[in-house]
């Protein structure tokens, strides 16, 4: 498997509950390295641009509002098959369907407040990483 990079966001529901360290430990225990990280506060407009792919979906407005409701931690994870590995560690979007030991099974409060975001493909990851980080900030 090739070494990849993927975007991870620790969402407002998790940062509010001080879960950043516990979530990062799960990524690192799975063999992913954090090569860039920062805590930011998105505006609803910034969240809207980031989630523009969902603009036609009924949850879009609520998603943007939620993502701007508190600080998030955006980070770049690196490792072999990082996109798939990150998604495995996160677990299913619906915490009721997430496997035991995954981030969402342990920390998500609901389908909407599910603690983490992760890129769904290497191509998406490249676009998402570039939205939040310059090349100088990626220090793997």
Protein backbone atom coordinates (compact mmCIF):
# COMPACT_ATOMS: atom_id res chain seq x y z
CA UNK A 1 0.00 0.00 0.00
CA UNK A 2 1.15 3.51 -0.77
CA UNK A 3 1.84 6.19 1.81
CA UNK A 4 -0.99 8.73 1.59
CA UNK A 5 -2.20 11.84 3.32
CA UNK A 6 -5.76 12.51 4.38
CA UNK A 7 -7.61 15.33 6.08
CA UNK A 8 -9.11 14.81 9.51
CA UNK A 9 -11.33 17.26 11.36
CA UNK A 10 -12.13 16.89 15.03
CA UNK A 11 -15.57 18.51 15.15
CA UNK A 12 -17.03 21.01 17.65
CA UNK A 13 -18.88 18.36 19.68
CA UNK A 14 -15.56 16.62 20.41
CA UNK A 15 -13.43 19.72 21.01
CA UNK A 16 -16.09 21.00 23.42
CA UNK A 17 -15.66 17.81 25.46
CA UNK A 18 -11.82 17.93 25.38
CA UNK A 19 -11.50 14.74 23.32
CA UNK A 20 -8.73 15.90 20.96
CA UNK A 21 -5.98 13.94 22.71
CA UNK A 22 -8.04 10.74 22.99
CA UNK A 23 -9.03 10.93 19.32
CA UNK A 24 -5.46 11.64 18.20
CA UNK A 25 -4.23 8.67 20.24
CA UNK A 26 -6.57 6.42 18.25
CA UNK A 27 -5.11 7.71 14.96
CA UNK A 28 -1.55 7.28 16.19
CA UNK A 29 -2.25 3.82 17.65
CA UNK A 30 -3.50 2.80 14.19
CA UNK A 31 -0.17 3.82 12.63
CA UNK A 32 -1.18 7.26 11.29
CA UNK A 33 1.14 10.22 11.86
CA UNK A 34 -0.12 13.77 12.36
CA UNK A 35 1.95 15.88 9.95
CA UNK A 36 -0.01 19.13 10.31
CA UNK A 37 -2.53 20.34 12.87
CA UNK A 38 -4.26 23.53 13.98
CA UNK A 39 -7.27 24.57 16.02
CA UNK A 40 -9.51 27.04 14.19
CA UNK A 41 -12.99 28.54 14.33
CA UNK A 42 -14.81 28.25 10.99
CA UNK A 43 -17.35 30.83 9.92
CA UNK A 44 -20.61 29.49 8.46
CA UNK A 45 -19.39 30.72 5.06
CA UNK A 46 -16.08 28.82 5.33
CA UNK A 47 -17.93 25.69 6.40
CA UNK A 48 -20.28 26.20 3.44
CA UNK A 49 -17.40 26.33 0.97
CA UNK A 50 -15.78 23.26 2.50
CA UNK A 51 -19.02 21.24 2.43
CA UNK A 52 -20.25 22.64 -0.91
CA UNK A 53 -20.53 19.09 -2.29
CA UNK A 54 -23.52 18.64 0.05
CA UNK A 55 -25.23 21.93 -0.85
CA UNK A 56 -28.30 20.25 -2.39
CA UNK A 57 -28.82 17.92 0.57
CA UNK A 58 -31.37 18.75 3.27
CA UNK A 59 -28.77 18.66 6.08
CA UNK A 60 -26.38 21.17 4.45
CA UNK A 61 -27.47 24.27 6.40
CA UNK A 62 -27.52 22.42 9.71
CA UNK A 63 -24.08 20.93 8.96
CA UNK A 64 -22.55 24.35 8.21
CA UNK A 65 -24.11 25.86 11.32
CA UNK A 66 -22.81 22.99 13.46
CA UNK A 67 -19.28 23.16 12.04
CA UNK A 68 -19.17 26.89 12.85
CA UNK A 69 -20.60 26.43 16.36
CA UNK A 70 -17.24 25.98 18.07
CA UNK A 71 -13.55 25.32 17.49
CA UNK A 72 -12.44 22.44 15.29
CA UNK A 73 -9.05 20.79 14.95
CA UNK A 74 -8.01 20.34 11.33
CA UNK A 75 -5.13 18.01 10.70
CA UNK A 76 -3.34 16.00 8.08
CA UNK A 77 -2.76 12.33 8.78
CA UNK A 78 -0.12 10.35 6.91
CA UNK A 79 0.48 6.64 6.58
CA UNK A 80 0.05 3.58 4.40
CA UNK A 81 -3.47 3.66 2.99
CA UNK A 82 -4.20 6.69 5.20
CA UNK A 83 -7.62 7.44 3.68
CA UNK A 84 -9.00 3.95 4.29
CA UNK A 85 -7.23 3.60 7.65
CA UNK A 86 -8.66 6.91 8.87
CA UNK A 87 -12.17 5.90 7.83
CA UNK A 88 -11.75 2.56 9.62
CA UNK A 89 -10.61 4.27 12.83
CA UNK A 90 -13.48 6.80 12.61
CA UNK A 91 -16.19 4.15 12.20
CA UNK A 92 -19.58 4.43 10.50
CA UNK A 93 -21.20 7.87 10.27
CA UNK A 94 -24.09 6.66 12.41
CA UNK A 95 -22.55 5.84 15.80
CA UNK A 96 -25.17 3.10 16.29
CA UNK A 97 -23.61 1.31 13.29
CA UNK A 98 -19.98 2.02 14.22
CA UNK A 99 -17.78 -0.89 15.26
CA UNK A 100 -16.72 -1.11 18.90
CA UNK A 101 -13.50 0.76 19.60
CA UNK A 102 -13.94 3.27 16.77
CA UNK A 103 -14.01 7.01 17.41
CA UNK A 104 -17.68 7.36 16.56
CA UNK A 105 -18.73 4.33 18.62
CA UNK A 106 -16.94 5.78 21.65
CA UNK A 107 -17.40 9.53 21.28
CA UNK A 108 -20.14 10.51 18.79
CA UNK A 109 -23.30 12.00 20.24
CA UNK A 110 -25.48 11.50 17.14
CA UNK A 111 -25.33 11.08 13.36
CA UNK A 112 -24.89 14.85 13.00
CA UNK A 113 -22.57 15.34 15.96
CA UNK A 114 -20.29 12.44 15.16
CA UNK A 115 -16.99 13.91 16.42
CA UNK A 116 -14.83 13.56 13.27
CA UNK A 117 -14.64 14.15 9.53
CA UNK A 118 -12.33 12.29 7.18
CA UNK A 119 -11.64 12.48 3.46
CA UNK A 120 -13.32 9.77 1.39
CA UNK A 121 -10.69 9.34 -1.35
CA UNK A 122 -7.10 10.40 -2.09
CA UNK A 123 -8.33 12.95 -4.65
CA UNK A 124 -10.77 14.47 -2.16
CA UNK A 125 -8.05 14.48 0.50
CA UNK A 126 -5.76 16.57 -1.72
CA UNK A 127 -8.47 19.21 -2.24
CA UNK A 128 -9.50 19.21 1.42
CA UNK A 129 -5.92 19.46 2.69
CA UNK A 130 -5.24 22.40 0.35
CA UNK A 131 -8.33 24.19 1.72
CA UNK A 132 -6.82 24.36 5.21
CA UNK A 133 -3.03 24.04 4.82
CA UNK A 134 -0.24 25.49 2.72
CA UNK A 135 2.60 23.23 1.65
CA UNK A 136 4.85 24.88 4.23
CA UNK A 137 2.59 23.63 7.04
CA UNK A 138 2.92 19.97 6.08
CA UNK A 139 5.96 18.83 8.01
CA UNK A 140 6.03 15.04 7.85
